Amino acid sequence: MTVVVYKNQKESLDRLISRFNKRVQGSRIILEVKNRRYYKKAKTRRLVRASAIKREFYRAKREKMQYY
């Protein structure tokens, strides 16, 4: 989970920082840290099934709208 960025010759510090930020965002470290910040209660079986049904419904709806 570590991100390492080496400075190239004739590269400005601003460019190095922007490259580092891009790598960090690409590795999704910040997203993972934000998700782990607070405890989340595990979903019950009923909620998992309900969310799966909703997800399938919206995927089918999106697929149907794609061909119009």
N, C-alpha and C. Protein backbone atom coordinates (compact mmCIF):
# COMPACT_ATOMS: atom_id res chain seq x y z
N MET A 1 0.81 -1.20 0.00
CA MET A 1 0.00 0.00 0.00
C MET A 1 0.85 1.26 0.00
N THR A 2 2.14 1.13 -0.13
CA THR A 2 2.97 2.32 -0.17
C THR A 2 3.10 2.80 -1.60
N VAL A 3 3.18 4.11 -1.73
CA VAL A 3 3.34 4.74 -3.03
C VAL A 3 4.70 5.43 -3.03
N VAL A 4 5.53 5.06 -3.99
CA VAL A 4 6.87 5.65 -4.09
C VAL A 4 6.98 6.36 -5.43
N VAL A 5 7.46 7.60 -5.38
CA VAL A 5 7.66 8.38 -6.59
C VAL A 5 9.06 8.98 -6.53
N TYR A 6 9.85 8.75 -7.55
CA TYR A 6 11.21 9.30 -7.62
C TYR A 6 11.23 10.50 -8.53
N LYS A 7 12.04 11.48 -8.17
CA LYS A 7 12.14 12.71 -8.95
C LYS A 7 13.01 12.46 -10.19
N ASN A 8 12.50 12.85 -11.33
CA ASN A 8 13.25 12.75 -12.58
C ASN A 8 14.14 13.98 -12.74
N GLN A 9 15.10 13.87 -13.63
CA GLN A 9 15.97 15.02 -13.89
C GLN A 9 15.15 16.14 -14.51
N LYS A 10 15.46 17.35 -14.11
CA LYS A 10 14.80 18.55 -14.64
C LYS A 10 13.29 18.56 -14.39
N GLU A 11 12.84 17.86 -13.38
CA GLU A 11 11.41 17.84 -13.04
C GLU A 11 11.19 18.80 -11.88
N SER A 12 10.20 19.63 -12.01
CA SER A 12 9.92 20.58 -10.94
C SER A 12 9.25 19.87 -9.77
N LEU A 13 9.30 20.52 -8.62
CA LEU A 13 8.71 19.96 -7.41
C LEU A 13 7.18 19.89 -7.53
N ASP A 14 6.60 20.88 -8.19
CA ASP A 14 5.14 20.88 -8.39
C ASP A 14 4.70 19.68 -9.22
N ARG A 15 5.46 19.40 -10.25
CA ARG A 15 5.14 18.26 -11.13
C ARG A 15 5.28 16.94 -10.36
N LEU A 16 6.30 16.86 -9.52
CA LEU A 16 6.51 15.66 -8.71
C LEU A 16 5.35 15.44 -7.74
N ILE A 17 4.91 16.51 -7.12
CA ILE A 17 3.79 16.42 -6.16
C ILE A 17 2.51 16.03 -6.88
N SER A 18 2.27 16.60 -8.06
CA SER A 18 1.05 16.24 -8.79
C SER A 18 1.10 14.79 -9.25
N ARG A 19 2.28 14.31 -9.62
CA ARG A 19 2.41 12.91 -10.01
C ARG A 19 2.16 11.98 -8.83
N PHE A 20 2.67 12.38 -7.66
CA PHE A 20 2.44 11.62 -6.44
C PHE A 20 0.96 11.57 -6.09
N ASN A 21 0.30 12.72 -6.16
CA ASN A 21 -1.14 12.76 -5.86
C ASN A 21 -1.94 11.87 -6.80
N LYS A 22 -1.55 11.86 -8.06
CA LYS A 22 -2.24 11.03 -9.05
C LYS A 22 -2.06 9.55 -8.73
N ARG A 23 -0.86 9.17 -8.31
CA ARG A 23 -0.60 7.78 -7.95
C ARG A 23 -1.39 7.37 -6.71
N VAL A 24 -1.46 8.26 -5.73
CA VAL A 24 -2.19 7.96 -4.49
C VAL A 24 -3.68 7.77 -4.80
N GLN A 25 -4.23 8.65 -5.60
CA GLN A 25 -5.64 8.52 -5.95
C GLN A 25 -5.89 7.28 -6.79
N GLY A 26 -4.96 6.93 -7.65
CA GLY A 26 -5.10 5.74 -8.48
C GLY A 26 -5.04 4.46 -7.67
N SER A 27 -4.27 4.48 -6.58
CA SER A 27 -4.16 3.28 -5.75
C SER A 27 -5.32 3.14 -4.77
N ARG A 28 -6.18 4.14 -4.70
CA ARG A 28 -7.40 4.13 -3.88
C ARG A 28 -7.10 4.01 -2.38
N ILE A 29 -5.96 4.48 -1.95
CA ILE A 29 -5.60 4.42 -0.53
C ILE A 29 -6.50 5.33 0.29
N ILE A 30 -6.74 6.53 -0.20
CA ILE A 30 -7.55 7.49 0.54
C ILE A 30 -8.97 6.97 0.71
N LEU A 31 -9.51 6.35 -0.33
CA LEU A 31 -10.86 5.80 -0.25
C LEU A 31 -10.93 4.71 0.80
N GLU A 32 -9.92 3.85 0.85
CA GLU A 32 -9.87 2.78 1.84
C GLU A 32 -9.78 3.32 3.25
N VAL A 33 -8.98 4.35 3.45
CA VAL A 33 -8.83 4.95 4.78
C VAL A 33 -10.14 5.59 5.23
N LYS A 34 -10.82 6.26 4.32
CA LYS A 34 -12.09 6.88 4.67
C LYS A 34 -13.13 5.83 5.04
N ASN A 35 -13.12 4.70 4.32
CA ASN A 35 -14.07 3.64 4.64
C ASN A 35 -13.78 2.98 5.97
N ARG A 36 -12.53 2.89 6.36
CA ARG A 36 -12.16 2.24 7.61
C ARG A 36 -12.22 3.17 8.82
N ARG A 37 -12.51 4.42 8.59
CA ARG A 37 -12.47 5.41 9.67
C ARG A 37 -13.46 5.09 10.79
N TYR A 38 -14.65 4.68 10.43
CA TYR A 38 -15.67 4.36 11.41
C TYR A 38 -16.10 2.90 11.25
N TYR A 39 -16.56 2.30 12.33
CA TYR A 39 -17.03 0.93 12.29
C TYR A 39 -18.36 0.87 11.56
N LYS A 40 -18.48 -0.09 10.67
CA LYS A 40 -19.74 -0.31 9.96
C LYS A 40 -20.29 -1.66 10.37
N LYS A 41 -21.52 -1.66 10.76
CA LYS A 41 -22.17 -2.90 11.14
C LYS A 41 -22.39 -3.76 9.90
N ALA A 42 -22.20 -5.06 10.04
CA ALA A 42 -22.36 -5.97 8.90
C ALA A 42 -23.82 -6.03 8.48
N LYS A 43 -24.04 -6.16 7.19
CA LYS A 43 -25.41 -6.24 6.68
C LYS A 43 -26.01 -7.61 6.97
N THR A 44 -27.31 -7.62 7.18
CA THR A 44 -27.99 -8.89 7.39
C THR A 44 -28.23 -9.54 6.04
N ARG A 45 -28.59 -10.80 6.07
CA ARG A 45 -28.83 -11.53 4.82
C ARG A 45 -29.96 -10.91 4.03
N ARG A 46 -30.97 -10.43 4.74
CA ARG A 46 -32.13 -9.83 4.09
C ARG A 46 -31.72 -8.55 3.35
N LEU A 47 -30.88 -7.73 3.98
CA LEU A 47 -30.44 -6.50 3.34
C LEU A 47 -29.52 -6.77 2.15
N VAL A 48 -28.69 -7.79 2.26
CA VAL A 48 -27.81 -8.15 1.15
C VAL A 48 -28.63 -8.60 -0.05
N ARG A 49 -29.65 -9.40 0.19
CA ARG A 49 -30.51 -9.86 -0.91
C ARG A 49 -31.28 -8.71 -1.53
N ALA A 50 -31.81 -7.82 -0.67
CA ALA A 50 -32.57 -6.68 -1.18
C ALA A 50 -31.69 -5.77 -2.04
N SER A 51 -30.46 -5.52 -1.59
CA SER A 51 -29.58 -4.66 -2.38
C SER A 51 -29.17 -5.33 -3.69
N ALA A 52 -29.03 -6.66 -3.68
CA ALA A 52 -28.70 -7.38 -4.91
C ALA A 52 -29.85 -7.29 -5.91
N ILE A 53 -31.08 -7.40 -5.42
CA ILE A 53 -32.24 -7.30 -6.30
C ILE A 53 -32.33 -5.90 -6.90
N LYS A 54 -32.12 -4.88 -6.07
CA LYS A 54 -32.14 -3.50 -6.58
C LYS A 54 -31.04 -3.28 -7.61
N ARG A 55 -29.86 -3.81 -7.33
CA ARG A 55 -28.73 -3.64 -8.24
C ARG A 55 -29.02 -4.27 -9.60
N GLU A 56 -29.56 -5.47 -9.59
CA GLU A 56 -29.90 -6.15 -10.84
C GLU A 56 -30.98 -5.38 -11.61
N PHE A 57 -31.95 -4.84 -10.88
CA PHE A 57 -33.03 -4.08 -11.52
C PHE A 57 -32.46 -2.86 -12.23
N TYR A 58 -31.59 -2.11 -11.54
CA TYR A 58 -31.04 -0.89 -12.14
C TYR A 58 -30.05 -1.20 -13.25
N ARG A 59 -29.34 -2.31 -13.15
CA ARG A 59 -28.44 -2.70 -14.25
C ARG A 59 -29.24 -3.03 -15.49
N ALA A 60 -30.33 -3.79 -15.31
CA ALA A 60 -31.18 -4.14 -16.45
C ALA A 60 -31.80 -2.89 -17.06
N LYS A 61 -32.21 -1.97 -16.21
CA LYS A 61 -32.80 -0.73 -16.69
C LYS A 61 -31.79 0.09 -17.49
N ARG A 62 -30.55 0.13 -16.99
CA ARG A 62 -29.49 0.87 -17.68
C ARG A 62 -29.16 0.22 -19.02
N GLU A 63 -29.12 -1.12 -19.04
CA GLU A 63 -28.86 -1.85 -20.30
C GLU A 63 -29.97 -1.56 -21.32
N LYS A 64 -31.20 -1.53 -20.84
CA LYS A 64 -32.33 -1.29 -21.73
C LYS A 64 -32.27 0.13 -22.31
N MET A 65 -31.88 1.10 -21.49
CA MET A 65 -31.80 2.49 -21.94
C MET A 65 -30.63 2.72 -22.89
N GLN A 66 -29.66 1.86 -22.86
CA GLN A 66 -28.45 2.03 -23.67
C GLN A 66 -28.75 1.91 -25.16
N TYR A 67 -29.75 1.16 -25.53
CA TYR A 67 -30.02 0.89 -26.95
C TYR A 67 -31.09 1.80 -27.55
N TYR A 68 -31.53 2.80 -26.82
CA TYR A 68 -32.51 3.72 -27.38
C TYR A 68 -31.86 4.79 -28.17
